[in-house]
C-alpha atoms as a PDB file:
ATOM      1  CA  MET A   1     235.098  45.031  56.278  1.00  0.00           C
ATOM      2  CA  ALA A   2     236.797  47.203  58.918  1.00  0.00           C
ATOM      3  CA  ASN A   3     240.068  48.961  58.127  1.00  0.00           C
ATOM      4  CA  ILE A   4     242.271  49.377  61.191  1.00  0.00           C
ATOM      5  CA  PHE A   5     245.645  51.072  61.625  1.00  0.00           C
ATOM      6  CA  VAL A   6     248.030  49.356  64.042  1.00  0.00           C
ATOM      7  CA  LEU A   7     251.233  51.156  64.961  1.00  0.00           C
ATOM      8  CA  ASN A   8     253.970  49.029  66.495  1.00  0.00           C
ATOM      9  CA  ILE A   9     256.616  51.078  68.298  1.00  0.00           C
ATOM     10  CA  GLU A  10     259.943  49.579  69.279  1.00  0.00           C
ATOM     11  CA  LYS A  11     263.011  51.297  70.665  1.00  0.00           C
ATOM     12  CA  GLU A  12     264.819  51.314  67.311  1.00  0.00           C
ATOM     13  CA  LYS A  13     261.970  51.298  64.761  1.00  0.00           C
ATOM     14  CA  SER A  14     258.253  51.759  64.182  1.00  0.00           C
ATOM     15  CA  CYS A  15     255.821  50.188  61.737  1.00  0.00           C
ATOM     16  CA  LEU A  16     252.344  51.345  60.741  1.00  0.00           C
ATOM     17  CA  THR A  17     250.180  48.568  59.324  1.00  0.00           C
ATOM     18  CA  LEU A  18     246.726  48.774  57.800  1.00  0.00           C
ATOM     19  CA  PHE A  19     244.535  45.748  58.326  1.00  0.00           C
ATOM     20  CA  GLU A  20     241.364  44.912  56.477  1.00  0.00           C
ATOM     21  CA  GLY A  21     239.800  42.565  58.980  1.00  0.00           C
ATOM     22  CA  GLU A  22     242.618  40.141  59.790  1.00  0.00           C
ATOM     23  CA  LYS A  23     244.485  40.716  56.498  1.00  0.00           C
ATOM     24  CA  VAL A  24     247.474  43.079  56.223  1.00  0.00           C
ATOM     25  CA  ILE A  25     246.878  45.283  53.196  1.00  0.00           C
ATOM     26  CA  ALA A  26     249.670  47.868  53.585  1.00  0.00           C
ATOM     27  CA  SER A  27     252.494  48.881  55.897  1.00  0.00           C
ATOM     28  CA  ARG A  28     255.291  51.388  56.310  1.00  0.00           C
ATOM     29  CA  ALA A  29     258.295  51.106  58.631  1.00  0.00           C
ATOM     30  CA  TRP A  30     260.924  53.604  59.685  1.00  0.00           C
ATOM     31  CA  ALA A  31     263.898  53.875  62.024  1.00  0.00           C
ATOM     32  CA  GLU A  32     263.506  55.808  65.278  1.00  0.00           C
ATOM     33  CA  ARG A  33     265.018  59.241  64.687  1.00  0.00           C
ATOM     34  CA  ARG A  34     263.007  61.463  67.024  1.00  0.00           C
ATOM     35  CA  ASP A  35     260.619  62.423  64.221  1.00  0.00           C
ATOM     36  CA  MET A  36     257.580  60.260  65.016  1.00  0.00           C
ATOM     37  CA  GLY A  37     255.064  62.963  64.159  1.00  0.00           C
ATOM     38  CA  GLU A  38     256.426  63.578  60.679  1.00  0.00           C
ATOM     39  CA  GLN A  39     257.040  59.901  59.895  1.00  0.00           C
ATOM     40  CA  LEU A  40     253.620  58.842  61.135  1.00  0.00           C
ATOM     41  CA  PHE A  41     251.720  61.494  59.158  1.00  0.00           C
ATOM     42  CA  VAL A  42     253.654  60.595  55.997  1.00  0.00           C
ATOM     43  CA  ALA A  43     252.972  56.874  56.528  1.00  0.00           C
ATOM     44  CA  ILE A  44     249.238  57.459  57.089  1.00  0.00           C
ATOM     45  CA  ASP A  45     248.997  59.583  53.948  1.00  0.00           C
ATOM     46  CA  GLU A  46     250.989  57.145  51.791  1.00  0.00           C
ATOM     47  CA  ILE A  47     248.990  54.122  52.913  1.00  0.00           C
ATOM     48  CA  LEU A  48     245.618  55.797  52.395  1.00  0.00           C
ATOM     49  CA  ARG A  49     246.619  57.053  48.932  1.00  0.00           C
ATOM     50  CA  GLU A  50     248.110  53.691  47.930  1.00  0.00           C
ATOM     51  CA  ARG A  51     244.930  51.850  48.882  1.00  0.00           C
ATOM     52  CA  GLY A  52     242.574  54.511  47.521  1.00  0.00           C
ATOM     53  CA  LEU A  53     240.955  55.027  50.914  1.00  0.00           C
ATOM     54  CA  SER A  54     239.702  58.098  52.712  1.00  0.00           C
ATOM     55  CA  ALA A  55     240.486  58.582  56.395  1.00  0.00           C
ATOM     56  CA  GLU A  56     236.821  57.974  57.219  1.00  0.00           C
ATOM     57  CA  MET A  57     237.181  54.407  55.936  1.00  0.00           C
ATOM     58  CA  VAL A  58     239.512  53.596  58.858  1.00  0.00           C
ATOM     59  CA  THR A  59     237.532  52.556  61.929  1.00  0.00           C
ATOM     60  CA  ASP A  60     240.247  52.278  64.580  1.00  0.00           C
ATOM     61  CA  PHE A  61     243.862  53.239  65.293  1.00  0.00           C
ATOM     62  CA  ARG A  62     245.712  51.031  67.775  1.00  0.00           C
ATOM     63  CA  ILE A  63     249.160  51.393  69.251  1.00  0.00           C
ATOM     64  CA  GLU A  64     251.204  48.402  70.342  1.00  0.00           C
ATOM     65  CA  THR A  65     254.508  48.940  72.080  1.00  0.00           C
ATOM     66  CA  GLU A  66     256.978  47.232  74.339  1.00  0.00           C
ATOM     67  CA  VAL A  67     258.660  50.500  75.311  1.00  0.00           C
ATOM     68  CA  SER A  68     257.519  52.725  78.163  1.00  0.00           C
ATOM     69  CA  ASP A  69     254.547  55.049  77.710  1.00  0.00           C
ATOM     70  CA  ALA A  70     256.966  57.773  78.830  1.00  0.00           C
ATOM     71  CA  PHE A  71     258.892  57.303  75.560  1.00  0.00           C
ATOM     72  CA  THR A  72     258.331  60.546  73.599  1.00  0.00           C
ATOM     73  CA  SER A  73     257.485  58.710  70.370  1.00  0.00           C
ATOM     74  CA  VAL A  74     254.717  56.813  72.179  1.00  0.00           C
ATOM     75  CA  LYS A  75     253.223  60.053  73.513  1.00  0.00           C
ATOM     76  CA  ILE A  76     253.314  61.615  70.048  1.00  0.00           C
ATOM     77  CA  ALA A  77     251.783  58.500  68.480  1.00  0.00           C
ATOM     78  CA  GLN A  78     249.000  58.435  71.080  1.00  0.00           C
ATOM     79  CA  THR A  79     248.188  62.060  70.325  1.00  0.00           C
ATOM     80  CA  VAL A  80     248.147  61.446  66.560  1.00  0.00           C
ATOM     81  CA  ALA A  81     245.939  58.354  66.955  1.00  0.00           C
ATOM     82  CA  LYS A  82     243.447  60.141  69.232  1.00  0.00           C
ATOM     83  CA  THR A  83     243.320  63.146  66.911  1.00  0.00           C
ATOM     84  CA  PHE A  84     242.878  60.933  63.849  1.00  0.00           C
ATOM     85  CA  LEU A  85     239.976  59.066  65.444  1.00  0.00           C
ATOM     86  CA  PHE A  86     238.380  62.299  66.667  1.00  0.00           C
ATOM     87  CA  ALA A  87     238.643  63.879  63.206  1.00  0.00           C
ATOM     88  CA  ILE A  88     237.055  60.951  61.362  1.00  0.00           C
ATOM     89  CA  LYS A  89     234.141  60.849  63.788  1.00  0.00           C
ATOM     90  CA  ALA A  90     233.486  64.610  63.588  1.00  0.00           C
END
């Protein structure tokens, strides 16, 4: 079954969720404090460790947001997601 990260970014908070198929198997949420990079890396690491998964076991990383793509946290999240997917395919 596919494991997929979905990051939901709102103006005041963000939440990273790991799905196994349609089932939520882990999530981490944090308040927006202009530290998306740090918070996102910590959340990825915690979720993977908690579930006993390697990064290669995640097949996709999606970002859902209602804020503008110009929002700095969205740009950082997009970069992290693209880098994560590139690294697991390399």
